[in-house]
C-alpha atoms as a PDB file:
ATOM      1  CA  MET A   1     -12.487  39.086   2.559  1.00  0.00           C
ATOM      2  CA  ALA A   2     -13.856  42.468   1.922  1.00  0.00           C
ATOM      3  CA  ASP A   3     -17.620  42.971   1.207  1.00  0.00           C
ATOM      4  CA  LYS A   4     -17.978  43.103  -2.480  1.00  0.00           C
ATOM      5  CA  SER A   5     -20.038  46.303  -2.387  1.00  0.00           C
ATOM      6  CA  LYS A   6     -16.763  47.890  -0.685  1.00  0.00           C
ATOM      7  CA  GLN A   7     -13.943  46.589  -2.813  1.00  0.00           C
ATOM      8  CA  LEU A   8     -13.809  45.329  -6.407  1.00  0.00           C
ATOM      9  CA  THR A   9     -10.752  43.230  -7.587  1.00  0.00           C
ATOM     10  CA  ALA A  10     -10.029  43.092 -11.475  1.00  0.00           C
ATOM     11  CA  SER A  11      -7.319  41.101 -13.084  1.00  0.00           C
ATOM     12  CA  LEU A  12      -5.912  42.046 -16.496  1.00  0.00           C
ATOM     13  CA  ASN A  13      -3.420  39.659 -18.335  1.00  0.00           C
ATOM     14  CA  LEU A  14      -1.702  40.415 -21.602  1.00  0.00           C
ATOM     15  CA  MET A  15      -2.694  37.563 -24.115  1.00  0.00           C
ATOM     16  CA  ASN A  16      -0.387  38.407 -27.329  1.00  0.00           C
ATOM     17  CA  ASP A  17       2.694  40.605 -28.010  1.00  0.00           C
ATOM     18  CA  ARG A  18       0.698  43.345 -28.923  1.00  0.00           C
ATOM     19  CA  LEU A  19      -2.129  44.767 -26.630  1.00  0.00           C
ATOM     20  CA  LEU A  20      -4.555  42.181 -26.469  1.00  0.00           C
ATOM     21  CA  PHE A  21      -5.771  41.713 -22.777  1.00  0.00           C
ATOM     22  CA  GLU A  22      -8.100  39.484 -21.042  1.00  0.00           C
ATOM     23  CA  GLY A  23      -9.888  41.052 -18.268  1.00  0.00           C
ATOM     24  CA  SER A  24     -12.034  39.459 -15.521  1.00  0.00           C
ATOM     25  CA  VAL A  25     -13.612  40.041 -12.078  1.00  0.00           C
ATOM     26  CA  GLU A  26     -14.027  37.225  -9.556  1.00  0.00           C
ATOM     27  CA  GLY A  27     -17.006  35.086 -10.445  1.00  0.00           C
ATOM     28  CA  ASN A  28     -17.544  36.745 -13.881  1.00  0.00           C
ATOM     29  CA  SER A  29     -16.659  35.575 -17.468  1.00  0.00           C
ATOM     30  CA  PRO A  30     -13.483  37.453 -18.965  1.00  0.00           C
ATOM     31  CA  VAL A  31     -13.788  40.022 -21.559  1.00  0.00           C
ATOM     32  CA  ALA A  32     -11.159  40.670 -24.411  1.00  0.00           C
ATOM     33  CA  ILE A  33      -9.894  44.191 -24.284  1.00  0.00           C
ATOM     34  CA  ASP A  34      -7.756  45.426 -27.254  1.00  0.00           C
ATOM     35  CA  TYR A  35      -6.737  48.554 -29.096  1.00  0.00           C
ATOM     36  CA  ILE A  36      -7.158  49.735 -32.748  1.00  0.00           C
ATOM     37  CA  PRO A  37      -4.304  48.909 -35.348  1.00  0.00           C
ATOM     38  CA  PRO A  38      -1.518  49.774 -35.704  1.00  0.00           C
ATOM     39  CA  PHE A  39      -0.987  49.359 -31.787  1.00  0.00           C
ATOM     40  CA  GLY A  40      -3.513  46.643 -31.392  1.00  0.00           C
ATOM     41  CA  ASP A  41      -5.676  43.926 -33.261  1.00  0.00           C
ATOM     42  CA  ASN A  42      -9.165  45.228 -32.592  1.00  0.00           C
ATOM     43  CA  LEU A  43     -10.055  41.768 -30.966  1.00  0.00           C
ATOM     44  CA  GLY A  44     -11.870  43.144 -28.181  1.00  0.00           C
ATOM     45  CA  TYR A  45     -13.319  46.145 -26.759  1.00  0.00           C
ATOM     46  CA  THR A  46     -11.381  49.267 -26.126  1.00  0.00           C
ATOM     47  CA  SER A  47     -11.205  50.842 -22.858  1.00  0.00           C
ATOM     48  CA  LEU A  48     -13.505  53.858 -23.779  1.00  0.00           C
ATOM     49  CA  GLU A  49     -16.071  51.491 -25.216  1.00  0.00           C
ATOM     50  CA  LEU A  50     -16.205  49.830 -21.764  1.00  0.00           C
ATOM     51  CA  MET A  51     -16.263  52.897 -20.005  1.00  0.00           C
ATOM     52  CA  LEU A  52     -19.615  53.692 -22.223  1.00  0.00           C
ATOM     53  CA  LEU A  53     -21.133  50.240 -21.350  1.00  0.00           C
ATOM     54  CA  SER A  54     -20.067  50.834 -17.836  1.00  0.00           C
ATOM     55  CA  LEU A  55     -22.093  54.205 -17.507  1.00  0.00           C
ATOM     56  CA  SER A  56     -24.939  52.913 -19.562  1.00  0.00           C
ATOM     57  CA  SER A  57     -25.418  49.771 -17.488  1.00  0.00           C
ATOM     58  CA  CYS A  58     -24.917  51.844 -14.313  1.00  0.00           C
ATOM     59  CA  VAL A  59     -27.553  54.649 -15.027  1.00  0.00           C
ATOM     60  CA  GLY A  60     -29.812  51.722 -16.536  1.00  0.00           C
ATOM     61  CA  THR A  61     -29.653  49.782 -13.419  1.00  0.00           C
ATOM     62  CA  ALA A  62     -30.429  52.863 -11.149  1.00  0.00           C
ATOM     63  CA  LEU A  63     -33.412  53.848 -13.418  1.00  0.00           C
ATOM     64  CA  LEU A  64     -35.010  50.601 -13.358  1.00  0.00           C
ATOM     65  CA  VAL A  65     -34.720  50.167  -9.658  1.00  0.00           C
ATOM     66  CA  LEU A  66     -36.203  53.413  -8.923  1.00  0.00           C
ATOM     67  CA  LEU A  67     -39.066  53.354 -11.636  1.00  0.00           C
ATOM     68  CA  ARG A  68     -40.055  49.555 -10.460  1.00  0.00           C
ATOM     69  CA  ARG A  69     -39.926  50.814  -6.807  1.00  0.00           C
ATOM     70  CA  ASP A  70     -42.424  53.463  -7.963  1.00  0.00           C
ATOM     71  CA  GLY A  71     -44.748  51.050  -9.420  1.00  0.00           C
ATOM     72  CA  LYS A  72     -43.846  51.590 -13.089  1.00  0.00           C
ATOM     73  CA  THR A  73     -44.251  48.782 -15.723  1.00  0.00           C
ATOM     74  CA  ILE A  74     -41.315  48.460 -18.096  1.00  0.00           C
ATOM     75  CA  GLU A  75     -41.977  46.446 -21.014  1.00  0.00           C
ATOM     76  CA  LYS A  76     -38.933  47.233 -23.025  1.00  0.00           C
ATOM     77  CA  PHE A  77     -35.593  49.354 -22.094  1.00  0.00           C
ATOM     78  CA  SER A  78     -32.528  50.318 -24.060  1.00  0.00           C
ATOM     79  CA  ILE A  79     -29.662  52.789 -23.907  1.00  0.00           C
ATOM     80  CA  LYS A  80     -27.493  53.884 -26.942  1.00  0.00           C
ATOM     81  CA  SER A  81     -24.341  55.730 -25.776  1.00  0.00           C
ATOM     82  CA  GLU A  82     -22.417  58.072 -27.677  1.00  0.00           C
ATOM     83  CA  GLY A  83     -19.041  59.343 -26.520  1.00  0.00           C
ATOM     84  CA  ILE A  84     -17.697  62.574 -27.959  1.00  0.00           C
ATOM     85  CA  ARG A  85     -13.714  62.672 -27.573  1.00  0.00           C
ATOM     86  CA  ARG A  86     -11.353  65.597 -27.137  1.00  0.00           C
ATOM     87  CA  GLN A  87      -9.258  66.415 -30.254  1.00  0.00           C
ATOM     88  CA  VAL A  88      -6.073  66.574 -28.186  1.00  0.00           C
ATOM     89  CA  HIS A  89      -4.551  64.024 -25.863  1.00  0.00           C
ATOM     90  CA  PRO A  90      -5.605  62.701 -23.650  1.00  0.00           C
ATOM     91  CA  THR A  91      -8.426  62.132 -25.968  1.00  0.00           C
ATOM     92  CA  ALA A  92     -11.024  61.242 -23.100  1.00  0.00           C
ATOM     93  CA  PHE A  93     -14.749  61.832 -23.605  1.00  0.00           C
ATOM     94  CA  GLU A  94     -15.669  65.497 -23.086  1.00  0.00           C
ATOM     95  CA  GLU A  95     -19.293  64.524 -23.724  1.00  0.00           C
ATOM     96  CA  ILE A  96     -21.549  61.404 -23.510  1.00  0.00           C
ATOM     97  CA  HIS A  97     -24.884  61.384 -24.904  1.00  0.00           C
ATOM     98  CA  LEU A  98     -27.331  58.529 -23.376  1.00  0.00           C
ATOM     99  CA  HIS A  99     -30.251  57.770 -25.609  1.00  0.00           C
ATOM    100  CA  ILE A 100     -32.846  55.939 -23.570  1.00  0.00           C
ATOM    101  CA  LYS A 101     -35.713  54.251 -24.889  1.00  0.00           C
ATOM    102  CA  ILE A 102     -38.507  52.737 -22.687  1.00  0.00           C
ATOM    103  CA  LYS A 103     -41.784  51.124 -23.347  1.00  0.00           C
ATOM    104  CA  SER A 104     -44.182  51.642 -20.504  1.00  0.00           C
ATOM    105  CA  ASP A 105     -47.808  52.270 -20.378  1.00  0.00           C
ATOM    106  CA  ASN A 106     -47.477  54.233 -16.984  1.00  0.00           C
ATOM    107  CA  ILE A 107     -44.657  56.387 -17.070  1.00  0.00           C
ATOM    108  CA  THR A 108     -44.893  60.118 -18.053  1.00  0.00           C
ATOM    109  CA  SER A 109     -41.912  62.185 -19.402  1.00  0.00           C
ATOM    110  CA  GLN A 110     -42.263  64.255 -16.404  1.00  0.00           C
ATOM    111  CA  GLU A 111     -42.016  61.325 -14.035  1.00  0.00           C
ATOM    112  CA  PHE A 112     -38.871  60.212 -15.908  1.00  0.00           C
ATOM    113  CA  GLY A 113     -37.272  63.355 -15.484  1.00  0.00           C
ATOM    114  CA  LYS A 114     -37.715  63.472 -11.625  1.00  0.00           C
ATOM    115  CA  THR A 115     -36.543  59.793 -11.662  1.00  0.00           C
ATOM    116  CA  LEU A 116     -33.359  60.749 -13.636  1.00  0.00           C
ATOM    117  CA  ALA A 117     -32.562  63.718 -11.382  1.00  0.00           C
ATOM    118  CA  MET A 118     -32.047  61.107  -8.393  1.00  0.00           C
ATOM    119  CA  VAL A 119     -29.899  58.573 -10.692  1.00  0.00           C
ATOM    120  CA  GLU A 120     -26.728  61.062 -10.404  1.00  0.00           C
ATOM    121  CA  ASN A 121     -26.541  60.488  -6.710  1.00  0.00           C
ATOM    122  CA  ILE A 122     -26.854  56.619  -6.827  1.00  0.00           C
ATOM    123  CA  CYS A 123     -25.026  55.943  -9.964  1.00  0.00           C
ATOM    124  CA  PRO A 124     -21.245  55.524  -8.847  1.00  0.00           C
ATOM    125  CA  VAL A 125     -19.984  55.581 -12.536  1.00  0.00           C
ATOM    126  CA  TRP A 126     -21.663  58.857 -13.273  1.00  0.00           C
ATOM    127  CA  TYR A 127     -20.535  60.503  -9.972  1.00  0.00           C
ATOM    128  CA  MET A 128     -16.953  59.534 -10.750  1.00  0.00           C
ATOM    129  CA  ILE A 129     -17.003  61.194 -14.198  1.00  0.00           C
ATOM    130  CA  LYS A 130     -19.539  64.163 -13.813  1.00  0.00           C
ATOM    131  CA  GLU A 131     -16.708  66.660 -12.893  1.00  0.00           C
ATOM    132  CA  SER A 132     -14.741  65.963 -16.134  1.00  0.00           C
ATOM    133  CA  THR A 133     -17.442  64.713 -18.873  1.00  0.00           C
ATOM    134  CA  LYS A 134     -20.781  66.226 -19.606  1.00  0.00           C
ATOM    135  CA  VAL A 135     -23.416  63.815 -19.657  1.00  0.00           C
ATOM    136  CA  ILE A 136     -26.469  64.818 -21.630  1.00  0.00           C
ATOM    137  CA  PHE A 137     -29.766  62.522 -21.574  1.00  0.00           C
ATOM    138  CA  HIS A 138     -32.354  62.216 -24.338  1.00  0.00           C
ATOM    139  CA  HIS A 139     -35.452  59.735 -23.647  1.00  0.00           C
ATOM    140  CA  ASN A 140     -38.317  58.394 -25.631  1.00  0.00           C
ATOM    141  CA  ILE A 141     -41.208  56.851 -23.632  1.00  0.00           C
ATOM    142  CA  GLU A 142     -43.458  54.662 -25.662  1.00  0.00           C
ATOM    143  CA  ALA A 143     -46.682  53.653 -24.512  1.00  0.00           C
END
């Protein structure tokens, strides 16, 4: 079997007569993926919603690993992501805004900026979309 860091395999199964799917990756709980009416029933995440979550969790993971490695203490951390879609098909994201909130008593805005600059090179989701989608970061650090 391949090293999990080198190969991922996902399964997707249609669950109804519309567009409700159940998706899973080995060893993890399944997620419901659907589409909005009239084609779907809005019973799960849409593919673009999952893309926002994927980017947010990838960036968040990279940031936290780097900040903690540098001895930074993180009391609270959250990311709110907003995707701006193209007006013509395919209506992919042309811009994604990531609003990052951190509560820490030992991170400066300048330190955060330097760490964020390193994230692009280690977050595979950001790397995959950076040529087609502008990613804009906003951050708020609370002591």
